[in-house]
Amino acid sequence: MLDTQNNPVIQFLFLLLLIGSTIYLFVQSGQARKKETPRKLVTVTECSETGQETKRDFQEGDYIGKVLGSCGENGQEIIKAIYSVEIKQK
């Protein structure tokens, strides 16, 4: 049986493995951050009377089903959807 505590070759190999895996993890975490693309939130509203949809930037306090006001003659403007879109960079 090998004596791993007093064997400098095995200790050195273990140290190399530990350093290599640490460097690998740092490189991988850096690449993951680079792949993230900037995004923004969009709110879609719909008039309950006419069915007309409007898109606008998300505002604090928006939620699906929120009544924003009146539209048309008797309709209500309601938030129908909220989603994120990728910001296109030049």
Foldseek 3Di string as FASTA:
>chain_A
DDDQVPDVVNVVVVVVVVVVVVVVVVVVVVVVVVPDFDKFKKWWKAWPPPRDIDIDGDDPPDDFQDWDAHDDDGTTITTHDMDMDGDDDD
